Amino acid sequence: MSGMMLPLPSDNPLFTLAVLLAFGAFCGQLARRIGLPSVTGQIMAGVLLGPSVFHVFGHDAAVGLRPIVHFALGLIAVDVGTHLHFPRLRNSFGRLGMLLLLEISLTPLLVYSALVFLGGQDWTIGALFAALAIATAPATVMALVKETRSRGVYTRTLIAAVALNNIACITFFELAYSSVQATLDPGHAGTSGSVLLAPLVQLGYAVLIGGAVGAALVLFTRHVIKTEAVTTVSIISIFLTTGIADLVGVSHLLSCLFLGVTMVNLAPQKEEIGHRVFVNFEPAVLAVFFTLAGFELDFGFLAQGWYLVALFVVARLIGKVLSGVLAMRIAKGTQNVRRYLGLGLIPQAGVAVGLLLQLGDNPVFGHISQLILAVGVTAVAVNEVIGPLTTRYGLQKSGNAGMDRARLIDFIHEENIITDFQAETKEEALRQLIDLMVSSHGVEMYKKTFLADVMEREQIMSTCVGRGLSIPSGTLEGENQLVGVMGISRKGLAFKTPDGLPIQCVVLLAASQDQMSRCLETQSVLARTLSADWGLRIQLYNARTAAHVYEILHAEEFSDFNYFLDDDDKKNGTTTVAL
């Protein structure tokens, strides 16, 4: 349907930007009204404006907006990178590692086999598409997480998996790229060692660029408290990372991802830097990005290799779903994560499109680049149409959608929970939990003083409330702080209790003076609910992993226990500080 309209002039980028933003935002809202993700509407808006349908703008218009695309990808990559806070992912390493292992083996193997053995293609094309299949679109996933207000074990696993598989995709694609280039152009081929070294060099430069800029940003903001200065330096950091990466020929998305990783691990409490600066107009940036992504997806290529597109899309989808199911089963992930994780990994744009364009720019790939671009761009288009639907379905069915709201015990996350908790004495148990509180929450406290405070409270009145539950607490210095950690013991801790039953759940709370009322409320609700609900106790005390405990505490069937604070405030006509 290309050429139905004469394209508008492409030498006015601001006019082009205004039209893309307006139409993309309109189609995004329209999509939401009919029950589709707004991302899908924005991508289709780009398809309508581009060469595939109405040809409102020519391809030259998109070229003038490339810097905006790079900035948007950098912004998204920083956001994704900030979800790789290693202490918070302490309990997730097993399932993330297993998922990554399957994503770099099972998915590429299925895609390679489909294209080479069923599609009759040469190994060079099979290898390139096998590596390309690993990537998941970070922009689409992040946009859907925010649109559905999702939070939980599934969401955290999904975002961390997206960050890791994009790192893996770029690394393995560089390896395939170097190998295929050496085959097609023997005159410029390097040694096998240099071919293997190329992806490591790419990864190393990205770590160096993102790490250096991130460290400088954190160091600068330690001495600056003015909002406008922090905003300025955050913008500079993203532009600088993207610019340096492009200058030295390194993936700017990978570099910005490591910028986010560096920031969150060096300064986990400084949420006001990096991508957070753009929180008010981030939807507009993303709307432009997705509309431009749709604009560049030319379905006219479909006739050149539709069967290869079908093979790639189906093989990749099967690989992603199987990887998610098998990895979570092996790693003993929760049922919701096991069932739906693979569906969240289907979207594919951003990294994939950038890598495809890299092939098109290299004359060595001349005789196969057109086929690769035709099949690759069309496959990405298809994945970006069905991917948002499967991802949103996964977020909803996992129970994570709508959970990004403050709840009563919202300060207890997966990283704040220990299972198989063991201690010989109450003091030993408290020491372990205090160590966990400091490492997982990052609170500043003098451990001996806090332990003495908790033990003194225990002597005045035991917090072993019966039915296997103990809820000790202590006082924190500072303001507006309420943190907690939880230890679950399936065997039970042989402490002296009012009812003679062993302790199977210890919840240690620490609150500043202004949050003491919320602390007492939490203790009261925990004691009342676990005493009355036999089913909840059985599930909680027998949970095998921290992820299982978190899902039990935040499940909808226990909303009377762990209720949303804003709903409670509306009922009582009060205002509560979000924890």
Protein backbone atom coordinates (compact mmCIF):
# COMPACT_ATOMS: atom_id res chain seq x y z
CA MET A 1 0.00 0.00 0.00
CA SER A 2 3.04 2.19 -0.17
CA GLY A 3 2.68 5.46 -2.03
CA MET A 4 -0.99 6.10 -1.33
CA MET A 5 -0.12 9.67 -0.37
CA LEU A 6 2.64 12.07 -1.30
CA PRO A 7 5.14 12.32 1.56
CA LEU A 8 5.36 15.61 3.44
CA PRO A 9 8.65 17.53 3.37
CA SER A 10 11.28 15.80 5.52
CA ASP A 11 13.57 18.80 6.04
CA ASN A 12 11.60 20.10 9.03
CA PRO A 13 12.39 17.71 11.92
CA LEU A 14 10.42 19.71 14.52
CA PHE A 15 7.25 19.54 12.41
CA THR A 16 7.84 15.82 11.85
CA LEU A 17 8.38 15.31 15.57
CA ALA A 18 5.16 17.16 16.43
CA VAL A 19 3.10 15.06 14.02
CA LEU A 20 4.64 11.79 15.21
CA LEU A 21 4.12 12.66 18.87
CA ALA A 22 0.53 13.83 18.41
CA PHE A 23 -0.56 10.90 16.27
CA GLY A 24 1.39 8.37 18.34
CA ALA A 25 -0.11 9.62 21.61
CA PHE A 26 -3.61 9.61 20.07
CA CYS A 27 -3.25 6.04 18.77
CA GLY A 28 -1.79 4.94 22.10
CA GLN A 29 -4.84 6.23 23.96
CA LEU A 30 -7.14 4.72 21.35
CA ALA A 31 -5.46 1.34 21.78
CA ARG A 32 -5.96 1.47 25.54
CA ARG A 33 -9.65 2.28 25.09
CA ILE A 34 -10.18 -0.92 23.09
CA GLY A 35 -8.18 -3.04 25.52
CA LEU A 36 -4.78 -3.08 23.80
CA PRO A 37 -1.44 -1.87 25.18
CA SER A 38 -0.70 1.76 24.28
CA VAL A 39 2.66 0.59 22.88
CA THR A 40 0.84 -1.40 20.20
CA GLY A 41 -1.17 1.67 19.20
CA GLN A 42 1.94 3.83 18.97
CA ILE A 43 3.79 1.28 16.83
CA MET A 44 0.80 0.97 14.49
CA ALA A 45 0.65 4.79 14.28
CA GLY A 46 4.20 4.72 12.93
CA VAL A 47 3.32 1.99 10.45
CA LEU A 48 0.38 4.07 9.19
CA LEU A 49 2.51 7.20 8.78
CA GLY A 50 5.43 5.35 7.20
CA PRO A 51 6.12 3.81 3.80
CA SER A 52 4.07 0.67 4.49
CA VAL A 53 0.66 2.40 4.38
CA PHE A 54 -0.01 6.13 3.84
CA HIS A 55 3.59 7.28 3.29
CA VAL A 56 2.98 10.58 5.10
CA PHE A 57 6.73 10.89 5.64
CA GLY A 58 9.59 9.37 3.69
CA HIS A 59 12.51 7.45 5.20
CA ASP A 60 14.59 10.65 5.22
CA ALA A 61 12.34 12.07 7.95
CA ALA A 62 13.33 9.29 10.34
CA VAL A 63 17.03 9.90 9.68
CA GLY A 64 16.73 13.47 10.99
CA LEU A 65 15.22 12.14 14.22
CA ARG A 66 17.89 9.49 14.87
CA PRO A 67 19.39 11.47 17.80
CA ILE A 68 16.00 11.34 19.55
CA VAL A 69 15.84 7.58 18.99
CA HIS A 70 19.33 7.18 20.46
CA PHE A 71 18.44 9.33 23.44
CA ALA A 72 15.20 7.41 24.05
CA LEU A 73 17.04 4.08 23.86
CA GLY A 74 19.68 5.42 26.23
CA LEU A 75 17.00 6.58 28.67
CA ILE A 76 15.29 3.18 28.54
CA ALA A 77 18.59 1.33 28.94
CA VAL A 78 19.48 3.35 32.05
CA ASP A 79 16.05 2.54 33.47
CA VAL A 80 16.55 -1.19 32.81
CA GLY A 81 20.06 -1.09 34.24
CA THR A 82 18.82 0.38 37.52
CA HIS A 83 16.87 -2.86 38.05
CA LEU A 84 20.15 -4.78 38.27
CA HIS A 85 20.81 -3.85 41.89
CA PHE A 86 22.84 -6.89 42.90
CA PRO A 87 22.01 -6.94 46.65
CA ARG A 88 18.29 -6.78 45.87
CA LEU A 89 18.65 -9.63 43.37
CA ARG A 90 20.41 -11.81 45.95
CA ASN A 91 17.61 -14.38 45.95
CA SER A 92 17.13 -14.15 42.17
CA PHE A 93 20.59 -15.16 40.95
CA GLY A 94 19.69 -18.84 40.62
CA ARG A 95 16.62 -18.40 38.44
CA LEU A 96 18.16 -15.53 36.42
CA GLY A 97 21.30 -17.55 35.73
CA MET A 98 19.32 -20.59 34.64
CA LEU A 99 17.06 -18.46 32.44
CA LEU A 100 20.05 -16.76 30.79
CA LEU A 101 21.69 -20.15 30.15
CA LEU A 102 18.59 -21.42 28.35
CA GLU A 103 18.04 -18.15 26.50
CA ILE A 104 21.53 -18.29 24.98
CA SER A 105 21.26 -21.99 24.12
CA LEU A 106 17.70 -23.24 23.57
CA THR A 107 16.22 -20.19 21.80
CA PRO A 108 19.15 -19.69 19.35
CA LEU A 109 19.28 -23.45 18.67
CA LEU A 110 15.59 -23.56 17.73
CA VAL A 111 15.87 -20.48 15.50
CA TYR A 112 19.05 -21.75 13.81
CA SER A 113 17.51 -25.17 13.18
CA ALA A 114 14.30 -23.65 11.79
CA LEU A 115 16.08 -21.36 9.31
CA VAL A 116 18.85 -23.74 8.23
CA PHE A 117 17.12 -27.13 8.21
CA LEU A 118 13.52 -26.09 7.46
CA GLY A 119 14.17 -22.82 5.63
CA GLY A 120 17.13 -24.08 3.59
CA GLN A 121 19.35 -21.09 4.47
CA ASP A 122 23.13 -20.99 4.78
CA TRP A 123 24.69 -21.29 8.24
CA THR A 124 25.75 -17.63 8.10
CA ILE A 125 22.15 -16.40 8.03
CA GLY A 126 21.16 -18.98 10.64
CA ALA A 127 23.93 -17.86 13.01
CA LEU A 128 23.08 -14.15 12.74
CA PHE A 129 19.36 -14.70 13.33
CA ALA A 130 20.06 -17.16 16.16
CA ALA A 131 21.99 -14.46 18.04
CA LEU A 132 19.38 -11.83 17.18
CA ALA A 133 16.62 -14.01 18.67
CA ILE A 134 18.02 -13.63 22.20
CA ALA A 135 17.12 -9.94 22.53
CA THR A 136 13.93 -8.69 24.15
CA ALA A 137 12.81 -5.09 23.64
CA PRO A 138 13.54 -3.24 26.92
CA ALA A 139 11.46 -0.22 25.90
CA THR A 140 8.31 -2.25 25.30
CA VAL A 141 8.65 -4.22 28.53
CA MET A 142 9.33 -1.13 30.67
CA ALA A 143 6.45 0.78 29.07
CA LEU A 144 4.02 -2.07 29.79
CA VAL A 145 5.26 -2.50 33.36
CA LYS A 146 4.57 1.18 34.01
CA GLU A 147 1.27 1.20 32.11
CA THR A 148 -0.06 -1.77 34.11
CA ARG A 149 1.49 -0.52 37.38
CA SER A 150 3.09 -3.91 37.92
CA ARG A 151 5.31 -4.97 40.79
CA GLY A 152 6.33 -8.31 42.25
CA VAL A 153 8.59 -11.32 41.77
CA TYR A 154 7.45 -11.82 38.16
CA THR A 155 8.07 -8.18 37.23
CA ARG A 156 11.46 -8.06 38.90
CA THR A 157 12.56 -11.30 37.25
CA LEU A 158 11.29 -10.12 33.85
CA ILE A 159 13.10 -6.76 33.90
CA ALA A 160 16.37 -8.26 35.14
CA ALA A 161 16.09 -10.98 32.48
CA VAL A 162 15.60 -8.34 29.76
CA ALA A 163 18.76 -6.53 30.89
CA LEU A 164 20.79 -9.74 30.91
CA ASN A 165 19.52 -11.12 27.62
CA ASN A 166 20.27 -7.83 25.83
CA ILE A 167 23.83 -7.99 27.12
CA ALA A 168 24.02 -11.59 25.91
CA CYS A 169 22.43 -10.76 22.53
CA ILE A 170 24.91 -8.00 21.73
CA THR A 171 27.82 -10.19 22.84
CA PHE A 172 26.76 -13.25 20.83
CA PHE A 173 25.74 -11.19 17.81
CA GLU A 174 29.20 -9.62 17.76
CA LEU A 175 30.66 -13.12 17.80
CA ALA A 176 28.38 -14.29 14.94
CA TYR A 177 29.02 -11.04 13.04
CA SER A 178 32.80 -11.46 13.25
CA SER A 179 32.61 -15.13 12.25
CA VAL A 180 30.37 -14.50 9.24
CA GLN A 181 32.47 -11.51 8.14
CA ALA A 182 35.60 -13.66 8.29
CA THR A 183 33.86 -16.26 6.10
CA LEU A 184 32.55 -13.76 3.53
CA ASP A 185 35.75 -11.72 3.33
CA PRO A 186 38.75 -14.04 3.93
CA GLY A 187 41.15 -11.27 2.90
CA HIS A 188 40.26 -9.26 5.99
CA ALA A 189 39.71 -12.21 8.30
CA GLY A 190 41.53 -12.18 11.57
CA THR A 191 42.62 -15.13 13.68
CA SER A 192 40.10 -17.26 15.53
CA GLY A 193 41.33 -15.59 18.69
CA SER A 194 40.48 -12.12 17.39
CA VAL A 195 37.01 -13.31 16.36
CA LEU A 196 36.37 -14.60 19.88
CA LEU A 197 37.90 -11.47 21.40
CA ALA A 198 35.67 -9.01 19.49
CA PRO A 199 32.53 -9.43 21.64
CA LEU A 200 34.56 -9.25 24.84
CA VAL A 201 36.14 -5.98 23.66
CA GLN A 202 32.66 -4.60 22.88
CA LEU A 203 31.42 -5.61 26.33
CA GLY A 204 34.52 -4.27 28.06
CA TYR A 205 34.26 -0.84 26.42
CA ALA A 206 30.56 -0.63 27.32
CA VAL A 207 31.31 -1.44 30.97
CA LEU A 208 34.14 1.08 31.00
CA ILE A 209 32.11 3.92 29.44
CA GLY A 210 28.93 3.34 31.44
CA GLY A 211 30.84 2.66 34.64
CA ALA A 212 33.02 5.75 34.37
CA VAL A 213 30.16 8.14 33.58
CA GLY A 214 27.96 6.54 36.25
CA ALA A 215 30.65 6.79 38.92
CA ALA A 216 31.27 10.45 38.01
CA LEU A 217 27.53 11.18 38.21
CA VAL A 218 27.20 9.57 41.65
CA LEU A 219 30.32 11.40 42.91
CA PHE A 220 29.05 14.74 41.64
CA THR A 221 25.58 14.38 43.15
CA ARG A 222 27.05 13.64 46.58
CA HIS A 223 28.11 17.28 46.76
CA VAL A 224 25.11 18.83 44.99
CA ILE A 225 21.61 19.12 46.44
CA LYS A 226 20.01 21.64 44.08
CA THR A 227 17.40 19.95 41.91
CA GLU A 228 18.24 21.91 38.77
CA ALA A 229 21.92 20.97 39.02
CA VAL A 230 21.12 17.29 39.51
CA THR A 231 18.76 17.42 36.53
CA THR A 232 21.38 19.04 34.32
CA VAL A 233 24.14 16.60 35.18
CA SER A 234 21.79 13.62 34.71
CA ILE A 235 20.90 14.78 31.20
CA ILE A 236 24.58 15.32 30.44
CA SER A 237 25.42 11.81 31.66
CA ILE A 238 22.99 10.10 29.26
CA PHE A 239 24.04 12.27 26.29
CA LEU A 240 27.73 11.77 27.15
CA THR A 241 27.43 8.00 27.46
CA THR A 242 25.55 7.73 24.16
CA GLY A 243 27.96 10.09 22.38
CA ILE A 244 31.15 8.40 23.58
CA ALA A 245 29.77 4.95 22.73
CA ASP A 246 28.90 6.05 19.19
CA LEU A 247 32.30 7.72 18.84
CA VAL A 248 34.25 4.56 19.63
CA GLY A 249 31.85 2.22 17.83
CA VAL A 250 30.36 0.55 20.91
CA SER A 251 26.68 -0.19 21.53
CA HIS A 252 25.24 2.95 23.15
CA LEU A 253 22.36 0.89 24.54
CA LEU A 254 24.76 -1.48 26.30
CA SER A 255 26.82 1.46 27.60
CA CYS A 256 23.74 3.21 28.99
CA LEU A 257 22.59 -0.03 30.57
CA PHE A 258 25.86 -0.21 32.49
CA LEU A 259 25.43 3.45 33.39
CA GLY A 260 22.20 2.46 35.15
CA VAL A 261 23.82 -0.58 36.76
CA THR A 262 26.65 1.57 38.11
CA MET A 263 24.34 4.22 39.53
CA VAL A 264 22.02 1.85 41.35
CA ASN A 265 24.83 -0.20 42.88
CA LEU A 266 26.97 2.77 43.95
CA ALA A 267 24.08 4.90 45.21
CA PRO A 268 20.90 2.79 45.58
CA GLN A 269 19.12 5.50 47.58
CA LYS A 270 19.60 8.28 45.00
CA GLU A 271 16.53 7.65 42.86
CA GLU A 272 16.41 11.29 41.74
CA ILE A 273 19.30 10.87 39.29
CA GLY A 274 19.48 9.19 35.89
CA HIS A 275 16.22 8.26 34.19
CA ARG A 276 14.15 9.55 37.14
CA VAL A 277 14.87 13.09 35.99
CA PHE A 278 12.61 12.49 32.99
CA VAL A 279 9.71 10.93 34.87
CA ASN A 280 7.27 13.75 33.99
CA PHE A 281 7.81 13.68 30.25
CA GLU A 282 9.06 10.11 29.81
CA PRO A 283 5.68 9.05 28.27
CA ALA A 284 6.18 11.64 25.52
CA VAL A 285 9.72 10.42 24.81
CA LEU A 286 8.52 6.82 24.66
CA ALA A 287 5.56 7.74 22.43
CA VAL A 288 7.96 9.28 19.91
CA PHE A 289 10.28 6.28 20.13
CA PHE A 290 7.58 3.67 19.53
CA THR A 291 5.98 5.69 16.74
CA LEU A 292 9.37 5.99 15.03
CA ALA A 293 9.96 2.27 15.56
CA GLY A 294 6.70 1.55 13.75
CA PHE A 295 7.59 4.12 11.09
CA GLU A 296 10.75 2.22 10.17
CA LEU A 297 9.06 -1.19 10.03
CA ASP A 298 8.30 -1.73 6.35
CA PHE A 299 5.87 -4.62 5.84
CA GLY A 300 6.57 -4.37 2.12
CA PHE A 301 9.53 -6.69 2.71
CA LEU A 302 7.17 -9.48 3.76
CA ALA A 303 6.72 -10.82 0.20
CA GLN A 304 10.48 -11.45 -0.10
CA GLY A 305 10.68 -14.07 2.62
CA TRP A 306 7.43 -14.52 4.48
CA TYR A 307 8.15 -18.18 5.23
CA LEU A 308 11.49 -17.26 6.85
CA VAL A 309 9.73 -14.60 8.94
CA ALA A 310 7.17 -17.20 10.05
CA LEU A 311 9.90 -19.72 10.93
CA PHE A 312 11.86 -17.13 12.91
CA VAL A 313 8.86 -15.77 14.83
CA VAL A 314 7.44 -19.19 15.72
CA ALA A 315 10.81 -20.76 16.65
CA ARG A 316 11.75 -17.75 18.78
CA LEU A 317 8.38 -17.69 20.54
CA ILE A 318 8.64 -21.41 21.36
CA GLY A 319 12.21 -20.91 22.57
CA LYS A 320 11.31 -17.99 24.82
CA VAL A 321 8.31 -19.74 26.37
CA LEU A 322 10.17 -23.03 26.88
CA SER A 323 13.21 -21.22 28.34
CA GLY A 324 10.99 -19.48 30.86
CA VAL A 325 9.12 -22.63 31.88
CA LEU A 326 12.16 -24.91 32.10
CA ALA A 327 14.42 -22.36 33.81
CA MET A 328 11.87 -21.53 36.49
CA ARG A 329 11.07 -25.21 37.05
CA ILE A 330 14.76 -26.08 37.51
CA ALA A 331 15.36 -23.01 39.72
CA LYS A 332 12.17 -23.73 41.75
CA GLY A 333 10.55 -20.45 40.73
CA THR A 334 7.02 -19.70 41.82
CA GLN A 335 4.16 -21.06 39.73
CA ASN A 336 3.12 -17.67 38.34
CA VAL A 337 6.66 -16.85 37.22
CA ARG A 338 7.09 -20.32 35.75
CA ARG A 339 3.91 -20.15 33.69
CA TYR A 340 4.10 -16.65 32.29
CA LEU A 341 7.73 -15.46 32.23
CA GLY A 342 8.38 -16.58 28.66
CA LEU A 343 5.37 -14.61 27.40
CA GLY A 344 6.93 -11.42 28.73
CA LEU A 345 10.09 -11.95 26.68
CA ILE A 346 8.46 -11.86 23.21
CA PRO A 347 8.74 -8.11 22.27
CA GLN A 348 11.72 -7.38 20.04
CA ALA A 349 12.88 -3.96 18.90
CA GLY A 350 15.55 -1.44 19.86
CA VAL A 351 18.61 -3.69 20.09
CA ALA A 352 17.45 -5.96 17.25
CA VAL A 353 16.83 -3.07 14.85
CA GLY A 354 20.18 -1.48 15.71
CA LEU A 355 22.05 -4.71 15.04
CA LEU A 356 20.24 -5.21 11.73
CA LEU A 357 21.21 -1.71 10.61
CA GLN A 358 24.81 -2.51 11.50
CA LEU A 359 24.72 -5.33 8.94
CA GLY A 360 23.23 -3.08 6.27
CA ASP A 361 26.06 -0.57 6.69
CA ASN A 362 28.78 -3.17 6.06
CA PRO A 363 29.52 -3.74 2.30
CA VAL A 364 30.96 -7.19 3.06
CA PHE A 365 27.40 -8.44 3.68
CA GLY A 366 26.22 -6.96 0.37
CA HIS A 367 24.66 -10.04 -1.26
CA ILE A 368 22.85 -11.23 1.88
CA SER A 369 22.20 -7.94 3.70
CA GLN A 370 18.99 -7.23 1.76
CA LEU A 371 17.53 -10.62 2.68
CA ILE A 372 18.60 -10.26 6.31
CA LEU A 373 17.12 -6.78 6.55
CA ALA A 374 13.89 -7.85 4.83
CA VAL A 375 13.34 -10.87 7.06
CA GLY A 376 14.75 -9.29 10.22
CA VAL A 377 12.83 -6.02 10.08
CA THR A 378 9.57 -7.78 9.24
CA ALA A 379 10.07 -10.34 12.02
CA VAL A 380 10.76 -7.55 14.50
CA ALA A 381 7.58 -5.82 13.33
CA VAL A 382 5.53 -8.96 13.94
CA ASN A 383 7.11 -9.49 17.37
CA GLU A 384 6.40 -5.88 18.29
CA VAL A 385 2.74 -6.33 17.38
CA ILE A 386 2.17 -9.60 19.28
CA GLY A 387 4.80 -9.02 21.98
CA PRO A 388 3.01 -6.23 23.89
CA LEU A 389 -0.11 -8.40 24.02
CA THR A 390 1.71 -11.42 25.44
CA THR A 391 3.71 -9.30 27.89
CA ARG A 392 0.66 -7.55 29.28
CA TYR A 393 -1.13 -10.90 29.53
CA GLY A 394 1.82 -12.26 31.53
CA LEU A 395 1.86 -9.25 33.87
CA GLN A 396 -1.87 -9.59 34.48
CA LYS A 397 -2.01 -13.38 34.90
CA SER A 398 1.01 -13.37 37.22
CA GLY A 399 -0.93 -11.14 39.61
CA ASN A 400 1.64 -8.32 39.38
CA ALA A 401 -0.52 -5.84 37.46
CA GLY A 402 -1.92 -3.05 39.64
CA MET A 403 0.39 -3.92 42.54
CA ASP A 404 2.60 -0.83 42.28
CA ARG A 405 0.86 0.83 45.22
CA ALA A 406 1.92 1.14 48.83
CA ARG A 407 0.76 -1.74 51.05
CA LEU A 408 0.99 -2.32 54.78
CA ILE A 409 4.15 -4.45 54.65
CA ASP A 410 5.40 -3.10 51.35
CA PHE A 411 8.85 -2.63 52.87
CA ILE A 412 9.42 -6.41 52.91
CA HIS A 413 10.60 -7.59 49.50
CA GLU A 414 12.16 -10.81 48.30
CA GLU A 415 15.67 -9.68 49.20
CA ASN A 416 14.56 -8.99 52.79
CA ILE A 417 13.48 -12.60 53.39
CA ILE A 418 15.45 -15.67 54.50
CA THR A 419 14.11 -19.20 54.28
CA ASP A 420 15.64 -22.23 56.09
CA PHE A 421 16.36 -19.80 58.93
CA GLN A 422 18.25 -21.42 61.83
CA ALA A 423 19.64 -20.11 65.14
CA GLU A 424 20.45 -21.63 68.52
CA THR A 425 19.45 -18.60 70.58
CA LYS A 426 17.17 -15.61 70.22
CA GLU A 427 20.17 -13.26 70.25
CA GLU A 428 21.84 -15.21 67.42
CA ALA A 429 18.62 -15.04 65.39
CA LEU A 430 18.38 -11.29 65.90
CA ARG A 431 22.01 -10.78 64.89
CA GLN A 432 21.40 -12.59 61.61
CA LEU A 433 18.29 -10.56 60.88
CA ILE A 434 20.01 -7.28 61.76
CA ASP A 435 22.82 -8.14 59.32
CA LEU A 436 20.21 -8.85 56.64
CA MET A 437 18.45 -5.56 57.41
CA VAL A 438 21.64 -3.56 56.97
CA SER A 439 22.70 -5.35 53.77
CA SER A 440 19.31 -5.51 52.03
CA HIS A 441 17.76 -2.21 53.11
CA GLY A 442 20.98 -0.22 53.28
CA VAL A 443 19.97 1.38 56.59
CA GLU A 444 22.61 3.06 58.68
CA MET A 445 22.65 1.83 62.26
CA TYR A 446 25.01 0.84 65.04
CA LYS A 447 24.25 -2.86 65.22
CA LYS A 448 25.16 -3.42 68.87
CA THR A 449 23.03 -0.51 70.05
CA PHE A 450 20.07 -1.64 67.95
CA LEU A 451 20.42 -5.24 69.18
CA ALA A 452 20.52 -4.03 72.79
CA ASP A 453 17.36 -1.96 72.18
CA VAL A 454 15.51 -4.96 70.73
CA MET A 455 16.66 -7.31 73.52
CA GLU A 456 15.62 -4.78 76.17
CA ARG A 457 12.12 -4.63 74.66
CA GLU A 458 12.02 -8.43 74.64
CA GLN A 459 12.81 -8.55 78.37
CA ILE A 460 10.03 -6.09 79.16
CA MET A 461 7.50 -7.96 77.01
CA SER A 462 8.13 -10.97 74.75
CA THR A 463 7.10 -10.49 71.15
CA CYS A 464 6.57 -14.24 70.69
CA VAL A 465 2.84 -13.92 70.10
CA GLY A 466 2.18 -17.64 69.68
CA ARG A 467 1.30 -19.90 66.76
CA GLY A 468 4.96 -19.86 65.67
CA LEU A 469 5.26 -16.09 65.20
CA SER A 470 7.64 -13.57 66.73
CA ILE A 471 7.64 -9.84 65.83
CA PRO A 472 10.50 -8.02 67.62
CA SER A 473 11.17 -4.35 66.90
CA GLY A 474 13.64 -1.58 67.60
CA THR A 475 14.08 2.16 67.13
CA LEU A 476 15.95 3.79 64.23
CA GLU A 477 17.57 7.18 64.22
CA GLY A 478 16.35 9.69 61.64
CA GLU A 479 12.92 10.36 60.19
CA ASN A 480 10.29 8.57 58.11
CA GLN A 481 11.90 5.13 58.21
CA LEU A 482 10.15 1.79 58.59
CA VAL A 483 11.99 -1.30 57.41
CA GLY A 484 11.63 -4.98 58.09
CA VAL A 485 13.14 -8.39 57.42
CA MET A 486 11.70 -11.88 57.78
CA GLY A 487 13.14 -15.27 58.64
CA ILE A 488 11.17 -18.46 57.91
CA SER A 489 12.14 -21.73 59.62
CA ARG A 490 10.35 -24.88 58.46
CA LYS A 491 11.86 -26.91 61.33
CA GLY A 492 11.22 -24.21 63.92
CA LEU A 493 13.43 -22.38 66.40
CA ALA A 494 13.41 -23.87 69.91
CA PHE A 495 12.82 -20.64 71.83
CA LYS A 496 10.66 -20.23 74.91
CA THR A 497 7.15 -19.28 73.77
CA PRO A 498 3.78 -18.70 75.51
CA ASP A 499 2.13 -21.71 73.86
CA GLY A 500 5.19 -23.96 73.79
CA LEU A 501 5.26 -24.11 69.97
CA PRO A 502 8.56 -23.52 68.12
CA ILE A 503 9.07 -20.22 66.31
CA GLN A 504 8.72 -20.60 62.53
CA CYS A 505 8.47 -16.95 61.46
CA VAL A 506 10.45 -14.02 62.85
CA VAL A 507 9.65 -10.54 61.52
CA LEU A 508 12.13 -7.92 62.74
CA LEU A 509 10.93 -4.32 62.37
CA ALA A 510 12.91 -1.10 62.73
CA ALA A 511 11.11 2.24 62.85
CA SER A 512 11.94 5.86 63.45
CA GLN A 513 9.88 7.67 66.09
CA ASP A 514 7.53 9.25 63.54
CA GLN A 515 6.75 5.81 62.05
CA MET A 516 6.22 4.00 65.35
CA SER A 517 2.44 4.02 64.98
CA ARG A 518 2.73 2.27 61.62
CA CYS A 519 5.15 -0.21 63.19
CA LEU A 520 2.66 -1.03 65.97
CA GLU A 521 -0.13 -1.36 63.40
CA THR A 522 1.97 -3.80 61.38
CA GLN A 523 2.75 -5.88 64.47
CA SER A 524 -0.91 -5.95 65.44
CA VAL A 525 -2.18 -6.97 61.99
CA LEU A 526 0.51 -9.63 61.58
CA ALA A 527 -0.26 -11.16 64.96
CA ARG A 528 -4.03 -11.04 64.49
CA THR A 529 -4.03 -12.45 60.96
CA LEU A 530 -1.56 -15.28 61.45
CA SER A 531 -3.24 -16.31 64.68
CA ALA A 532 -6.65 -16.48 62.99
CA ASP A 533 -5.71 -17.81 59.53
CA TRP A 534 -4.50 -21.39 59.71
CA GLY A 535 -4.17 -21.63 55.90
CA LEU A 536 -1.90 -18.59 55.70
CA ARG A 537 0.33 -19.97 58.46
CA ILE A 538 0.71 -23.33 56.70
CA GLN A 539 1.64 -21.68 53.39
CA LEU A 540 4.03 -19.20 54.99
CA TYR A 541 5.82 -21.59 57.33
CA ASN A 542 6.37 -24.17 54.57
CA ALA A 543 7.51 -21.81 51.81
CA ARG A 544 10.78 -23.04 50.32
CA THR A 545 12.08 -19.82 48.74
CA ALA A 546 11.95 -16.11 49.45
CA ALA A 547 10.02 -15.62 46.20
CA HIS A 548 7.29 -17.96 47.44
CA VAL A 549 7.08 -16.05 50.74
CA TYR A 550 6.78 -12.71 48.92
CA GLU A 551 3.99 -13.97 46.67
CA ILE A 552 2.09 -15.34 49.68
CA LEU A 553 2.33 -12.02 51.52
CA HIS A 554 1.25 -9.97 48.50
CA ALA A 555 -1.40 -12.28 47.03
CA GLU A 556 -4.90 -10.84 46.58
CA GLU A 557 -6.47 -13.48 48.80
CA PHE A 558 -4.56 -11.99 51.72
CA SER A 559 -5.53 -8.38 50.96
CA ASP A 560 -7.35 -8.10 54.29
CA PHE A 561 -3.98 -8.64 55.94
CA ASN A 562 -1.62 -6.75 53.61
CA TYR A 563 -3.99 -4.08 52.35
CA PHE A 564 -3.31 -1.10 50.09
CA LEU A 565 -2.60 1.95 52.22
CA ASP A 566 -4.29 4.40 49.86
CA ASP A 567 -7.52 2.37 50.01
CA ASP A 568 -7.30 2.30 53.79
CA ASP A 569 -6.69 6.04 53.90
CA LYS A 570 -9.73 6.71 51.74
CA LYS A 571 -11.87 4.67 54.09
CA ASN A 572 -10.56 6.48 57.14
CA GLY A 573 -10.27 9.91 55.55
CA THR A 574 -6.58 10.16 56.44
CA THR A 575 -3.32 10.68 54.59
CA THR A 576 -0.44 8.25 55.03
CA VAL A 577 3.19 8.57 54.03
CA ALA A 578 3.94 5.88 51.42
CA LEU A 579 6.49 3.38 52.67
